Structure formats: C-alpha cells, structure tokens
C-alpha cells in the first residue's frame, strides 16, 4: 500500500507538471511509472504494461484468474509479456468491476478492454502469411454472410446448370449431387491450409512468449493446461460464480454456452472422422442410417452448435460496453453467425435429405462450411488456439522458480 501511495503521489506531481495524457473519450490518463517499453511496442501494448504496473502494486485481484499470478512473477512488462498476459485473459470482467482504480478514477484501469485490444494485435501480428494479418480487422459479420452466400450461390448455379438442382437422389445420397472425391479434395485442402496457418502463427507466438525459457512441458503442466482449456476454468470469475456480462452481477452462462459451442464443434468433427473411417476403412458409404454413429454424433454436435452460438450471440449483444474491445464485435459476431448457419443448414439437410430440396440444402450447407473453413485462421476461432498456448505457458511457468521476490514489485 505504501508503494501504491508513492506511485499516486508521483502521478499527482506528473499531473501538476502537465504530463498527463488524454485517452479517447476525454478521460485523463495519469502516467504511474515509466514503462521500459521496447521501441516496437505500440500504444495498446504500452497501455497494458502501464495497467499491469498499477495492478502489480495493488494485487487485490490476485486470486481472480491466471493473469494476476503470472503478473506477479514480473517486475517489468516487455512486448512478449504483454501478449502472453493478454491471451491468458479470459475477459470475464471480474477485475474491472472489483477495481477501485477503474474509470472514472484518474488511473483509468480497465484490464479487460486493454487486454482485448492487444489480443487483436496478437492475431494480426502472428498471422501466417503475414499479409493476411489485416483480415482480422476486416473479418466482420458482413464479410462472413457475403462469403457464405457467394459460395452457396455458386454451388446452386452449378447444380442448376447441370440440371440436378431440383432432383431427389434415391436414399438422400449426397454423393450423387457432388462426388465424394471432389468434396474430400476441396474441403480437405482448405481445412489443411487453415490448420497450417494457425499452426505457423501459434508457433511464432510460443517462441516469443517463452524466449527459450519455458522448457519442454512436463506431463503435470500439460495435464493442467488441458484441464483448464476443456473446463474453461477461468470463465468462473475466480470465485466459481461466473463472469460479469451486462452489469456487475455474476453468471455462468458464457461458460456454459462456450461448452455447448466447443463440444458441439468437436462432436461434428468426430462425426466427420468416423464417417471417413466408415468410407475408407470399412467400405461403408453414405448416406448412413439415422441411428448410425456418424449421424448421432453429427446431430448432437449440430444441436450444440445451435444452442452455444445462439447464447453467445445473445450475451455479445448485451455485453457491458467497457468490457472488451468494441472494434472486435463484428469479427466475433461473424464467427458466431457462421457457426449458427453451419449447424442450422446441416440439421435441415439431415431432416429433408430424402426430399426434392436436398440438393439445394446441400449447396447451402457446403457454402456455409467452406466460408467457415476459409475464415477460421483469420477470425475469432484463433482466440482458442492462442489462449491454449498461453495456458500451457502458465502451467509450465508456475512450476519454475521465481526470479525475484514476489512481494518486491
């Protein structure tokens, strides 16, 4: 507390000397401690470093999530530290509503918003290829809808030209409309490129945030990080009651809707994988019966991808404006709507696969899936990949000896 009071006195002296700066919206930002920032650090990154120095002196929120224990292991915050902590943040909002230095206080501490802005910098800075980084700032709802609509329209026109748009293949055979080999090659290449782009980006991110000091993850650290990812541990607000959404009340809805979305996606991926094994290993070709394993997995996954994204979109629309970065909402909503379209068209295709509308529904579904795959590396999906890497770094780091006395910050 004496440290914080000393910093406050220094801030007041800076203010009297006229060195205070003005943040967007007219709020005055008081410099608390000079940040030894690398020349390459931009304004968003420097703001996180400034706020972390204040938080490191206060430490009221130390038990809220993984960010604050990781913060206390540092006396200074370089560019890589800032990106690591920003991706470790789950944007639950607990620290914002608990902070005595949040706006309108002159320190203007808003960790969720500052971290969210840096996360966008992470995605664009580590994008592969580098020129694609700008897509993160343009990947919004309009682009998602336009891309899905354009691809679906192209497939519909192709079917119309071939005279198969109004046909109804016996038994709902999708491959009578689009050959299996053609679909496998087309979607396989796009999905592989998406995985490659995300893999190259997170590889560079990991190299920078570890700087060769993390070492190989042991089994305990890997297991802890896996549990934290699968359980979304830090969406509980640090106290088990959940996140803050539209106000300072707690709710576990975001955690639950994320679970519906994540496990729905994984069930759909499992359905595709099982169907691939059926086709190539067992020689069993689609369409499969309603009670077959691929259809059951796909149906459960599709329902999850309806419930989860619908709930997340509802929460996104109600989100407190000071929690997060408003600039990213189009990107968030674009990804959510694509997931909804994929699941809705997939379930509709299953329900009416024996009808005359099957070919048109198949074209709509494939257009939405292709749009999702094309935007995966350059949209909201990336946050799960970078956050998983940050959680693994955290699990490794906490098992390493401290480089300084944690009470000396």
Protein backbone atom coordinates (compact mmCIF):
# COMPACT_ATOMS: atom_id res chain seq x y z
CA UNK A 1 0.00 0.00 0.00
CA UNK A 2 2.92 2.35 0.71
CA UNK A 3 4.20 1.64 -2.77
CA UNK A 4 0.84 2.48 -4.29
CA UNK A 5 0.60 5.70 -2.29
CA UNK A 6 4.07 6.66 -3.51
CA UNK A 7 3.01 6.00 -7.08
CA UNK A 8 -0.13 8.09 -6.53
CA UNK A 9 1.95 10.99 -5.24
CA UNK A 10 4.21 10.72 -8.27
CA UNK A 11 1.17 10.68 -10.52
CA UNK A 12 -0.16 13.86 -8.93
CA UNK A 13 3.20 15.56 -9.43
CA UNK A 14 3.14 14.49 -13.09
CA UNK A 15 -0.38 15.86 -13.42
CA UNK A 16 0.64 19.19 -11.89
CA UNK A 17 3.56 19.33 -14.30
CA UNK A 18 1.13 18.91 -17.14
CA UNK A 19 2.40 15.47 -18.23
CA UNK A 20 -0.97 13.74 -18.08
CA UNK A 21 -2.32 12.44 -21.36
CA UNK A 22 -5.86 12.22 -22.59
CA UNK A 23 -7.45 8.94 -23.57
CA UNK A 24 -10.13 8.57 -26.28
CA UNK A 25 -13.39 9.92 -24.92
CA UNK A 26 -11.73 12.64 -22.88
CA UNK A 27 -10.69 10.53 -19.87
CA UNK A 28 -7.40 11.68 -18.38
CA UNK A 29 -4.67 9.03 -18.10
CA UNK A 30 -2.11 9.64 -15.37
CA UNK A 31 1.29 8.03 -16.02
CA UNK A 32 2.05 5.90 -12.95
CA UNK A 33 5.55 4.61 -13.61
CA UNK A 34 7.74 4.97 -16.67
CA UNK A 35 7.46 1.80 -18.71
CA UNK A 36 10.68 0.40 -20.14
CA UNK A 37 8.93 -0.48 -23.36
CA UNK A 38 10.69 -1.76 -26.43
CA UNK A 39 10.59 0.73 -29.29
CA UNK A 40 8.34 -1.66 -31.22
CA UNK A 41 5.66 -1.60 -28.53
CA UNK A 42 2.53 0.10 -29.82
CA UNK A 43 0.03 2.20 -27.85
CA UNK A 44 -2.23 -0.75 -26.97
CA UNK A 45 0.69 -2.82 -25.70
CA UNK A 46 2.13 0.10 -23.70
CA UNK A 47 -1.28 0.65 -22.10
CA UNK A 48 -1.40 -2.96 -20.88
CA UNK A 49 2.12 -2.60 -19.47
CA UNK A 50 1.05 0.62 -17.67
CA UNK A 51 -2.01 -1.02 -16.15
CA UNK A 52 -0.07 -4.12 -15.12
CA UNK A 53 2.36 -1.95 -13.14
CA UNK A 54 -0.57 -0.47 -11.23
CA UNK A 55 -2.08 -3.92 -10.66
CA UNK A 56 1.29 -5.26 -9.55
CA UNK A 57 1.38 -2.65 -6.79
CA UNK A 58 -2.22 -3.29 -5.71
CA UNK A 59 -2.78 -7.05 -6.21
CA UNK A 60 -6.36 -7.00 -4.99
CA UNK A 61 -7.37 -9.24 -7.93
CA UNK A 62 -4.54 -11.74 -7.48
CA UNK A 63 -6.88 -14.69 -6.97
CA UNK A 64 -9.26 -13.94 -9.83
CA UNK A 65 -7.56 -15.74 -12.74
CA UNK A 66 -4.25 -16.88 -14.15
CA UNK A 67 -3.30 -13.38 -15.35
CA UNK A 68 -2.53 -11.90 -11.95
CA UNK A 69 -0.31 -14.70 -10.54
CA UNK A 70 1.62 -14.57 -13.84
CA UNK A 71 1.84 -10.79 -13.48
CA UNK A 72 3.42 -11.02 -10.02
CA UNK A 73 6.30 -13.03 -11.49
CA UNK A 74 7.38 -9.93 -13.41
CA UNK A 75 8.77 -6.54 -12.43
CA UNK A 76 8.65 -5.16 -15.97
CA UNK A 77 6.44 -5.99 -18.94
CA UNK A 78 8.05 -6.33 -22.33
CA UNK A 79 6.15 -6.78 -25.59
CA UNK A 80 6.13 -10.58 -25.34
CA UNK A 81 4.95 -10.45 -21.71
CA UNK A 82 2.07 -8.19 -22.70
CA UNK A 83 0.91 -10.56 -25.46
CA UNK A 84 1.23 -13.56 -23.15
CA UNK A 85 -0.87 -11.95 -20.40
CA UNK A 86 -3.43 -10.62 -22.89
CA UNK A 87 -4.07 -14.10 -24.26
CA UNK A 88 -4.14 -15.56 -20.77
CA UNK A 89 -7.04 -13.19 -20.00
CA UNK A 90 -10.49 -14.78 -20.49
CA UNK A 91 -12.28 -11.41 -20.40
CA UNK A 92 -14.55 -12.50 -17.54
CA UNK A 93 -14.86 -8.90 -16.31
CA UNK A 94 -14.35 -9.69 -12.61
CA UNK A 95 -11.31 -7.45 -12.21
CA UNK A 96 -13.00 -4.50 -13.91
CA UNK A 97 -15.95 -4.47 -11.53
CA UNK A 98 -13.72 -5.07 -8.49
CA UNK A 99 -11.11 -2.44 -9.35
CA UNK A 100 -11.03 0.76 -7.28
CA UNK A 101 -8.89 2.40 -9.97
CA UNK A 102 -11.29 1.76 -12.87
CA UNK A 103 -12.73 4.80 -14.71
CA UNK A 104 -13.67 7.45 -13.73
CA UNK A 105 -10.61 7.18 -11.44
CA UNK A 106 -7.65 9.07 -12.87
CA UNK A 107 -5.63 5.84 -13.20
CA UNK A 108 -8.26 4.60 -15.70
CA UNK A 109 -7.52 0.90 -15.17
CA UNK A 110 -9.65 -1.32 -17.39
CA UNK A 111 -7.79 -4.60 -17.79
CA UNK A 112 -10.44 -6.48 -19.87
CA UNK A 113 -10.60 -3.73 -22.52
CA UNK A 114 -6.83 -3.21 -22.65
CA UNK A 115 -6.17 -6.95 -22.94
CA UNK A 116 -8.81 -7.37 -25.66
CA UNK A 117 -7.17 -4.69 -27.79
CA UNK A 118 -3.80 -6.41 -27.52
CA UNK A 119 -5.32 -9.78 -28.44
CA UNK A 120 -6.36 -8.32 -31.78
CA UNK A 121 -2.76 -7.20 -32.22
CA UNK A 122 -1.64 -10.75 -31.40
CA UNK A 123 -3.83 -12.31 -34.07
CA UNK A 124 -2.80 -9.84 -36.76
CA UNK A 125 0.90 -9.76 -35.81
CA UNK A 126 1.32 -13.53 -35.77
CA UNK A 127 -0.88 -14.26 -38.79
CA UNK A 128 0.54 -16.50 -41.48
CA UNK A 129 1.19 -15.41 -44.11
CA UNK A 130 1.97 -12.01 -42.62
CA UNK A 131 -0.01 -10.12 -45.26
CA UNK A 132 -3.18 -11.90 -44.06
CA UNK A 133 -2.97 -10.17 -40.67
CA UNK A 134 -5.13 -7.32 -41.95
CA UNK A 135 -8.00 -9.77 -42.42
CA UNK A 136 -8.58 -9.84 -38.64
CA UNK A 137 -9.61 -6.19 -38.78
CA UNK A 138 -11.93 -6.74 -41.75
CA UNK A 139 -13.42 -10.12 -40.89
CA UNK A 140 -16.86 -8.99 -39.77
CA UNK A 141 -20.46 -10.11 -39.98
CA UNK A 142 -21.00 -8.63 -43.45
CA UNK A 143 -17.95 -10.42 -44.86
CA UNK A 144 -18.99 -13.72 -43.27
CA UNK A 145 -22.50 -13.53 -44.68
CA UNK A 146 -21.28 -12.35 -48.10
CA UNK A 147 -18.73 -15.16 -48.34
CA UNK A 148 -21.18 -17.87 -47.26
CA UNK A 149 -23.86 -16.51 -49.58
CA UNK A 150 -21.50 -16.23 -52.54
CA UNK A 151 -20.18 -19.78 -52.16
CA UNK A 152 -23.68 -21.20 -51.70
CA UNK A 153 -24.93 -19.27 -54.74
CA UNK A 154 -22.03 -20.58 -56.83
CA UNK A 155 -22.88 -24.16 -55.90
CA UNK A 156 -26.59 -23.59 -56.54
CA UNK A 157 -25.84 -22.19 -60.00
CA UNK A 158 -23.56 -25.14 -60.74
CA UNK A 159 -26.36 -27.54 -59.83
CA UNK A 160 -28.84 -25.56 -61.92
CA UNK A 161 -26.55 -25.66 -64.96
CA UNK A 162 -26.14 -29.44 -64.54
CA UNK A 163 -29.89 -29.88 -64.16
CA UNK A 164 -29.60 -31.52 -60.72
CA UNK A 165 -30.89 -28.67 -58.54
CA UNK A 166 -34.46 -30.00 -58.36
CA UNK A 167 -33.59 -33.68 -58.43
CA UNK A 168 -34.03 -36.01 -55.48
CA UNK A 169 -31.40 -38.79 -55.46
CA UNK A 170 -32.67 -42.04 -54.00
CA UNK A 171 -31.97 -42.52 -50.31
CA UNK A 172 -30.65 -38.99 -49.82
CA UNK A 173 -27.34 -39.81 -51.47
CA UNK A 174 -25.26 -36.61 -51.24
CA UNK A 175 -22.56 -38.04 -53.47
CA UNK A 176 -24.99 -38.30 -56.35
CA UNK A 177 -25.07 -34.49 -56.26
CA UNK A 178 -21.40 -33.77 -55.52
CA UNK A 179 -18.92 -36.68 -55.93
CA UNK A 180 -17.21 -37.82 -52.74
CA UNK A 181 -13.69 -37.40 -54.13
CA UNK A 182 -14.40 -33.86 -55.25
CA UNK A 183 -15.73 -32.85 -51.83
CA UNK A 184 -12.89 -34.59 -49.99
CA UNK A 185 -10.23 -32.82 -52.05
CA UNK A 186 -11.87 -29.41 -51.93
CA UNK A 187 -12.62 -29.29 -48.21
CA UNK A 188 -9.53 -31.26 -47.23
CA UNK A 189 -7.20 -28.73 -48.87
CA UNK A 190 -8.98 -25.71 -47.35
CA UNK A 191 -9.05 -27.26 -43.87
CA UNK A 192 -5.37 -28.24 -44.13
CA UNK A 193 -4.43 -24.69 -45.11
CA UNK A 194 -6.42 -23.34 -42.13
CA UNK A 195 -4.60 -25.70 -39.76
CA UNK A 196 -1.25 -24.77 -41.30
CA UNK A 197 -1.91 -21.03 -40.97
CA UNK A 198 -2.97 -21.33 -37.33
CA UNK A 199 -0.08 -23.68 -36.55
CA UNK A 200 2.53 -21.36 -38.02
CA UNK A 201 1.08 -18.38 -36.15
CA UNK A 202 0.93 -20.03 -32.75
CA UNK A 203 4.42 -21.49 -33.27
CA UNK A 204 5.84 -17.97 -33.61
CA UNK A 205 3.73 -16.79 -30.66
CA UNK A 206 5.06 -19.62 -28.47
CA UNK A 207 8.65 -18.88 -29.47
CA UNK A 208 8.28 -15.23 -28.48
CA UNK A 209 6.43 -15.64 -25.18
CA UNK A 210 8.77 -18.39 -23.94
CA UNK A 211 12.02 -16.97 -25.30
CA UNK A 212 13.55 -20.38 -24.78
CA UNK A 213 12.88 -20.35 -21.03
CA UNK A 214 9.75 -22.48 -20.80
CA UNK A 215 11.41 -25.79 -21.49
CA UNK A 216 9.54 -28.89 -22.59
CA UNK A 217 6.13 -29.12 -20.92
CA UNK A 218 6.08 -31.89 -18.32
CA UNK A 219 3.14 -34.23 -18.02
CA UNK A 220 1.74 -32.38 -15.00
CA UNK A 221 1.86 -28.99 -16.72
CA UNK A 222 0.36 -30.38 -19.93
CA UNK A 223 -2.41 -32.11 -17.98
CA UNK A 224 -3.22 -28.93 -16.03
CA UNK A 225 -3.36 -26.81 -19.19
CA UNK A 226 -5.58 -29.39 -20.90
CA UNK A 227 -8.00 -29.41 -17.94
CA UNK A 228 -8.10 -25.60 -17.89
CA UNK A 229 -8.86 -25.49 -21.62
CA UNK A 230 -11.52 -28.22 -21.62
CA UNK A 231 -13.24 -26.98 -18.45
CA UNK A 232 -12.88 -23.25 -19.29
CA UNK A 233 -11.77 -22.88 -15.70
CA UNK A 234 -11.16 -19.16 -15.78
CA UNK A 235 -14.64 -18.30 -17.00
CA UNK A 236 -15.79 -18.80 -13.42
CA UNK A 237 -14.65 -15.32 -12.37
CA UNK A 238 -12.10 -16.72 -9.93
CA UNK A 239 -14.78 -17.48 -7.34
CA UNK A 240 -16.92 -20.07 -9.12
CA UNK A 241 -19.90 -17.76 -9.68
CA UNK A 242 -19.09 -16.84 -13.27
CA UNK A 243 -18.44 -13.78 -15.42
CA UNK A 244 -19.86 -10.29 -15.45
CA UNK A 245 -21.83 -9.58 -18.61
CA UNK A 246 -24.22 -6.62 -18.86
CA UNK A 247 -23.61 -5.44 -15.27
CA UNK A 248 -21.73 -6.39 -12.12
CA UNK A 249 -23.88 -9.47 -11.50
CA UNK A 250 -22.30 -12.91 -11.87
CA UNK A 251 -23.45 -15.57 -14.30
CA UNK A 252 -22.07 -18.86 -15.62
CA UNK A 253 -23.97 -18.54 -18.91
CA UNK A 254 -20.94 -17.61 -21.01
CA UNK A 255 -19.03 -20.60 -19.72
CA UNK A 256 -21.95 -22.93 -20.46
CA UNK A 257 -22.59 -21.52 -23.93
CA UNK A 258 -18.89 -21.85 -24.69
CA UNK A 259 -19.09 -25.51 -23.65
CA UNK A 260 -22.07 -26.10 -25.95
CA UNK A 261 -20.13 -24.48 -28.79
CA UNK A 262 -16.79 -26.19 -28.20
CA UNK A 263 -18.11 -29.68 -27.62
CA UNK A 264 -20.67 -29.27 -30.40
CA UNK A 265 -17.82 -28.45 -32.78
CA UNK A 266 -15.81 -31.43 -31.52
CA UNK A 267 -18.78 -33.79 -31.94
CA UNK A 268 -19.24 -32.61 -35.53
CA UNK A 269 -15.54 -33.17 -36.14
CA UNK A 270 -15.86 -36.65 -34.60
CA UNK A 271 -18.84 -37.39 -36.85
CA UNK A 272 -16.81 -36.49 -39.94
CA UNK A 273 -13.85 -38.54 -38.72
CA UNK A 274 -16.00 -41.62 -38.05
CA UNK A 275 -17.68 -41.28 -41.45
CA UNK A 276 -14.23 -41.11 -43.06
CA UNK A 277 -13.25 -44.36 -41.31
CA UNK A 278 -16.50 -45.96 -42.40
CA UNK A 279 -15.87 -44.95 -46.01
CA UNK A 280 -12.18 -45.78 -46.40
CA UNK A 281 -11.61 -48.49 -43.79
CA UNK A 282 -14.90 -50.39 -43.71
CA UNK A 283 -16.09 -49.62 -47.22
CA UNK A 284 -19.42 -48.26 -45.92
CA UNK A 285 -20.60 -45.33 -47.99
CA UNK A 286 -23.01 -42.53 -47.03
CA UNK A 287 -25.84 -41.90 -46.52
CA UNK A 288 -25.89 -43.59 -43.13
CA UNK A 289 -28.97 -44.58 -41.12
CA UNK A 290 -30.35 -42.11 -38.58
CA UNK A 291 -29.21 -44.29 -35.68
CA UNK A 292 -25.68 -44.81 -37.04
CA UNK A 293 -22.73 -43.40 -35.09
CA UNK A 294 -21.82 -40.64 -37.59
CA UNK A 295 -25.41 -39.35 -37.71
CA UNK A 296 -25.87 -39.49 -33.94
CA UNK A 297 -22.59 -37.64 -33.35
CA UNK A 298 -23.40 -35.07 -36.03
CA UNK A 299 -26.91 -34.48 -34.70
CA UNK A 300 -25.68 -33.95 -31.14
CA UNK A 301 -22.93 -31.66 -32.39
CA UNK A 302 -25.35 -29.70 -34.55
CA UNK A 303 -27.67 -29.10 -31.61
CA UNK A 304 -24.71 -27.95 -29.52
CA UNK A 305 -23.70 -25.58 -32.31
CA UNK A 306 -27.19 -24.11 -32.31
CA UNK A 307 -27.55 -23.64 -28.56
CA UNK A 308 -24.00 -22.44 -27.86
CA UNK A 309 -23.56 -19.79 -30.59
CA UNK A 310 -27.13 -18.53 -30.14
CA UNK A 311 -26.42 -17.97 -26.44
CA UNK A 312 -23.05 -16.37 -27.13
CA UNK A 313 -24.60 -14.00 -29.67
CA UNK A 314 -27.24 -13.01 -27.11
CA UNK A 315 -24.55 -12.33 -24.49
CA UNK A 316 -22.44 -10.44 -27.02
CA UNK A 317 -25.33 -8.12 -27.80
CA UNK A 318 -25.84 -7.44 -24.06
CA UNK A 319 -22.16 -7.16 -23.12
CA UNK A 320 -21.13 -4.19 -20.97
CA UNK A 321 -19.51 -1.66 -23.35
CA UNK A 322 -16.46 -1.26 -21.10
CA UNK A 323 -15.69 -4.99 -21.10
CA UNK A 324 -13.77 -5.85 -24.21
CA UNK A 325 -12.96 -4.09 -27.46
CA UNK A 326 -15.98 -2.86 -29.41
CA UNK A 327 -13.91 -2.92 -32.61
CA UNK A 328 -13.86 -6.72 -32.49
CA UNK A 329 -17.58 -7.25 -32.15
CA UNK A 330 -18.14 -7.59 -35.92
CA UNK A 331 -15.45 -10.29 -36.02
CA UNK A 332 -16.99 -12.04 -33.01
CA UNK A 333 -20.48 -11.95 -34.47
CA UNK A 334 -19.32 -13.04 -37.91
CA UNK A 335 -17.82 -16.22 -36.48
CA UNK A 336 -20.85 -16.90 -34.28
CA UNK A 337 -23.28 -16.45 -37.16
CA UNK A 338 -21.25 -18.76 -39.41
CA UNK A 339 -21.40 -21.47 -36.73
CA UNK A 340 -25.16 -20.98 -36.49
CA UNK A 341 -25.57 -21.22 -40.27
CA UNK A 342 -23.44 -24.37 -40.48
CA UNK A 343 -25.42 -26.13 -37.76
CA UNK A 344 -28.84 -24.92 -38.97
CA UNK A 345 -28.25 -25.93 -42.60
CA UNK A 346 -26.70 -29.24 -41.52
CA UNK A 347 -29.68 -30.22 -39.38
CA UNK A 348 -32.09 -29.07 -42.11
CA UNK A 349 -30.19 -31.20 -44.63
CA UNK A 350 -30.49 -34.23 -42.36
CA UNK A 351 -34.20 -33.66 -41.81
CA UNK A 352 -35.04 -33.24 -45.53
CA UNK A 353 -32.36 -35.38 -47.16
CA UNK A 354 -34.99 -37.57 -48.84
CA UNK A 355 -36.91 -34.60 -50.27
CA UNK A 356 -36.63 -32.66 -53.53
CA UNK A 357 -34.99 -29.83 -51.58
CA UNK A 358 -31.97 -31.98 -50.68
CA UNK A 359 -29.67 -30.70 -53.45
CA UNK A 360 -30.38 -27.05 -52.66
CA UNK A 361 -29.94 -27.63 -48.92
CA UNK A 362 -26.65 -29.45 -49.59
CA UNK A 363 -25.36 -26.49 -51.62
CA UNK A 364 -26.33 -24.06 -48.85
CA UNK A 365 -24.67 -26.20 -46.18
CA UNK A 366 -21.46 -26.70 -48.15
CA UNK A 367 -21.25 -22.96 -48.87
CA UNK A 368 -21.51 -22.18 -45.16
CA UNK A 369 -18.94 -24.84 -44.21
CA UNK A 370 -16.48 -23.59 -46.83
CA UNK A 371 -16.91 -20.00 -45.60
CA UNK A 372 -16.24 -21.16 -42.02
CA UNK A 373 -13.08 -23.04 -43.05
CA UNK A 374 -11.77 -20.12 -45.12
CA UNK A 375 -12.16 -17.66 -42.22
CA UNK A 376 -11.00 -19.98 -39.40
CA UNK A 377 -7.36 -18.77 -39.34
CA UNK A 378 -8.33 -15.09 -39.55
CA UNK A 379 -11.28 -14.76 -37.20
CA UNK A 380 -12.49 -15.35 -33.67
CA UNK A 381 -11.58 -19.05 -33.79
CA UNK A 382 -7.93 -18.04 -33.32
CA UNK A 383 -8.56 -16.92 -29.73
CA UNK A 384 -8.96 -20.53 -28.59
CA UNK A 385 -5.62 -21.54 -30.11
CA UNK A 386 -3.59 -18.64 -28.65
CA UNK A 387 -5.34 -18.90 -25.28
CA UNK A 388 -4.48 -22.61 -25.07
CA UNK A 389 -0.82 -21.80 -25.72
CA UNK A 390 -0.88 -19.11 -23.01
CA UNK A 391 -2.44 -21.53 -20.52
CA UNK A 392 0.28 -24.09 -21.26
CA UNK A 393 2.95 -21.42 -20.72
CA UNK A 394 1.26 -20.51 -17.40
CA UNK A 395 1.19 -24.14 -16.25
CA UNK A 396 4.90 -24.52 -17.06
CA UNK A 397 5.87 -21.17 -15.56
CA UNK A 398 4.25 -21.72 -12.18
CA UNK A 399 6.42 -24.83 -11.73
CA UNK A 400 9.60 -22.84 -12.28
CA UNK A 401 11.47 -20.93 -9.55
CA UNK A 402 10.75 -17.22 -9.17
CA UNK A 403 13.39 -14.84 -10.44
CA UNK A 404 12.58 -12.27 -7.78
CA UNK A 405 10.74 -11.85 -4.50
CA UNK A 406 7.01 -11.68 -5.47
CA UNK A 407 6.49 -9.07 -2.78
CA UNK A 408 9.12 -6.74 -4.22
CA UNK A 409 7.11 -5.44 -7.18
